[in-house]
Structure formats: structure tokens, C-alpha cells
C-alpha atoms as a PDB file:
ATOM      1  CA  UNK A   1      27.646 -21.521   1.476  1.00  0.00           C
ATOM      2  CA  UNK A   2      31.577 -21.590   1.663  1.00  0.00           C
ATOM      3  CA  UNK A   3      34.464 -23.934   2.157  1.00  0.00           C
ATOM      4  CA  UNK A   4      35.034 -22.699   5.430  1.00  0.00           C
ATOM      5  CA  UNK A   5      32.104 -23.062   6.682  1.00  0.00           C
ATOM      6  CA  UNK A   6      31.234 -26.141   5.271  1.00  0.00           C
ATOM      7  CA  UNK A   7      34.114 -27.154   7.009  1.00  0.00           C
ATOM      8  CA  UNK A   8      32.732 -25.670  10.217  1.00  0.00           C
ATOM      9  CA  UNK A   9      29.700 -27.719  10.433  1.00  0.00           C
ATOM     10  CA  UNK A  10      31.262 -31.288   9.600  1.00  0.00           C
ATOM     11  CA  UNK A  11      33.930 -30.423  12.361  1.00  0.00           C
ATOM     12  CA  UNK A  12      31.497 -29.578  14.788  1.00  0.00           C
ATOM     13  CA  UNK A  13      28.741 -32.610  13.686  1.00  0.00           C
ATOM     14  CA  UNK A  14      31.676 -34.821  14.107  1.00  0.00           C
ATOM     15  CA  UNK A  15      32.797 -33.606  17.677  1.00  0.00           C
ATOM     16  CA  UNK A  16      29.301 -34.120  18.420  1.00  0.00           C
ATOM     17  CA  UNK A  17      28.618 -37.448  17.150  1.00  0.00           C
ATOM     18  CA  UNK A  18      31.745 -38.818  18.695  1.00  0.00           C
ATOM     19  CA  UNK A  19      31.809 -36.549  21.522  1.00  0.00           C
ATOM     20  CA  UNK A  20      35.062 -35.262  21.554  1.00  0.00           C
ATOM     21  CA  UNK A  21      36.668 -31.413  21.617  1.00  0.00           C
ATOM     22  CA  UNK A  22      35.730 -30.087  18.083  1.00  0.00           C
ATOM     23  CA  UNK A  23      39.888 -28.665  18.512  1.00  0.00           C
ATOM     24  CA  UNK A  24      40.661 -32.792  18.349  1.00  0.00           C
ATOM     25  CA  UNK A  25      39.876 -32.779  14.700  1.00  0.00           C
ATOM     26  CA  UNK A  26      42.225 -32.355  12.675  1.00  0.00           C
ATOM     27  CA  UNK A  27      41.083 -31.187   8.573  1.00  0.00           C
ATOM     28  CA  UNK A  28      43.567 -33.332   6.712  1.00  0.00           C
ATOM     29  CA  UNK A  29      41.947 -36.584   8.867  1.00  0.00           C
ATOM     30  CA  UNK A  30      39.573 -39.342   7.483  1.00  0.00           C
ATOM     31  CA  UNK A  31      36.667 -40.134   9.527  1.00  0.00           C
ATOM     32  CA  UNK A  32      37.451 -43.538   9.595  1.00  0.00           C
ATOM     33  CA  UNK A  33      40.817 -42.132  11.620  1.00  0.00           C
ATOM     34  CA  UNK A  34      38.077 -40.850  14.588  1.00  0.00           C
ATOM     35  CA  UNK A  35      36.749 -44.562  14.314  1.00  0.00           C
ATOM     36  CA  UNK A  36      33.255 -44.065  12.336  1.00  0.00           C
ATOM     37  CA  UNK A  37      31.474 -46.833  10.939  1.00  0.00           C
ATOM     38  CA  UNK A  38      28.720 -47.153   8.924  1.00  0.00           C
ATOM     39  CA  UNK A  39      26.123 -46.246  11.649  1.00  0.00           C
ATOM     40  CA  UNK A  40      27.917 -43.247  12.698  1.00  0.00           C
ATOM     41  CA  UNK A  41      28.803 -42.144   8.633  1.00  0.00           C
ATOM     42  CA  UNK A  42      25.120 -42.404   7.796  1.00  0.00           C
ATOM     43  CA  UNK A  43      23.640 -40.210  11.271  1.00  0.00           C
ATOM     44  CA  UNK A  44      26.680 -38.254  10.157  1.00  0.00           C
ATOM     45  CA  UNK A  45      26.645 -37.565   6.659  1.00  0.00           C
ATOM     46  CA  UNK A  46      22.182 -36.665   7.893  1.00  0.00           C
ATOM     47  CA  UNK A  47      22.878 -34.845  10.391  1.00  0.00           C
ATOM     48  CA  UNK A  48      25.360 -32.727   7.728  1.00  0.00           C
ATOM     49  CA  UNK A  49      22.537 -32.338   5.520  1.00  0.00           C
ATOM     50  CA  UNK A  50      20.606 -31.168   7.720  1.00  0.00           C
ATOM     51  CA  UNK A  51      23.026 -27.932   8.712  1.00  0.00           C
ATOM     52  CA  UNK A  52      23.926 -27.309   5.261  1.00  0.00           C
ATOM     53  CA  UNK A  53      20.311 -28.019   3.971  1.00  0.00           C
ATOM     54  CA  UNK A  54      21.306 -29.946   1.318  1.00  0.00           C
END
């Protein structure tokens, strides 16, 4: 698993969670910059972990 694949999955799952276009997500921004709170964050970590099988 390489960094670009991991970045792609994180971007995809974040865009799905926030219902926004993946092209709007910048790699240098924090989740907080997108309004991710603790509830969204927990669910996001779960879906990313499942997608990456970790």
C-alpha cells in the first residue's frame, strides 16, 4: 500500500462523509478545516480503516 493510494482512499471517504466533491479536498488541510467533528471523525476513521483493511 503506497502513500498515493492511501491519500486517494482518505479523500474519497472524506468526500463521501461530507457529501462534497473530492476535487474540493486539499491534501494540506486538516479534517477540522472541513468541519469534521468527533462523531464524523469516528465514523470516518472506521470507514477508512475498513477500506484500507487495517
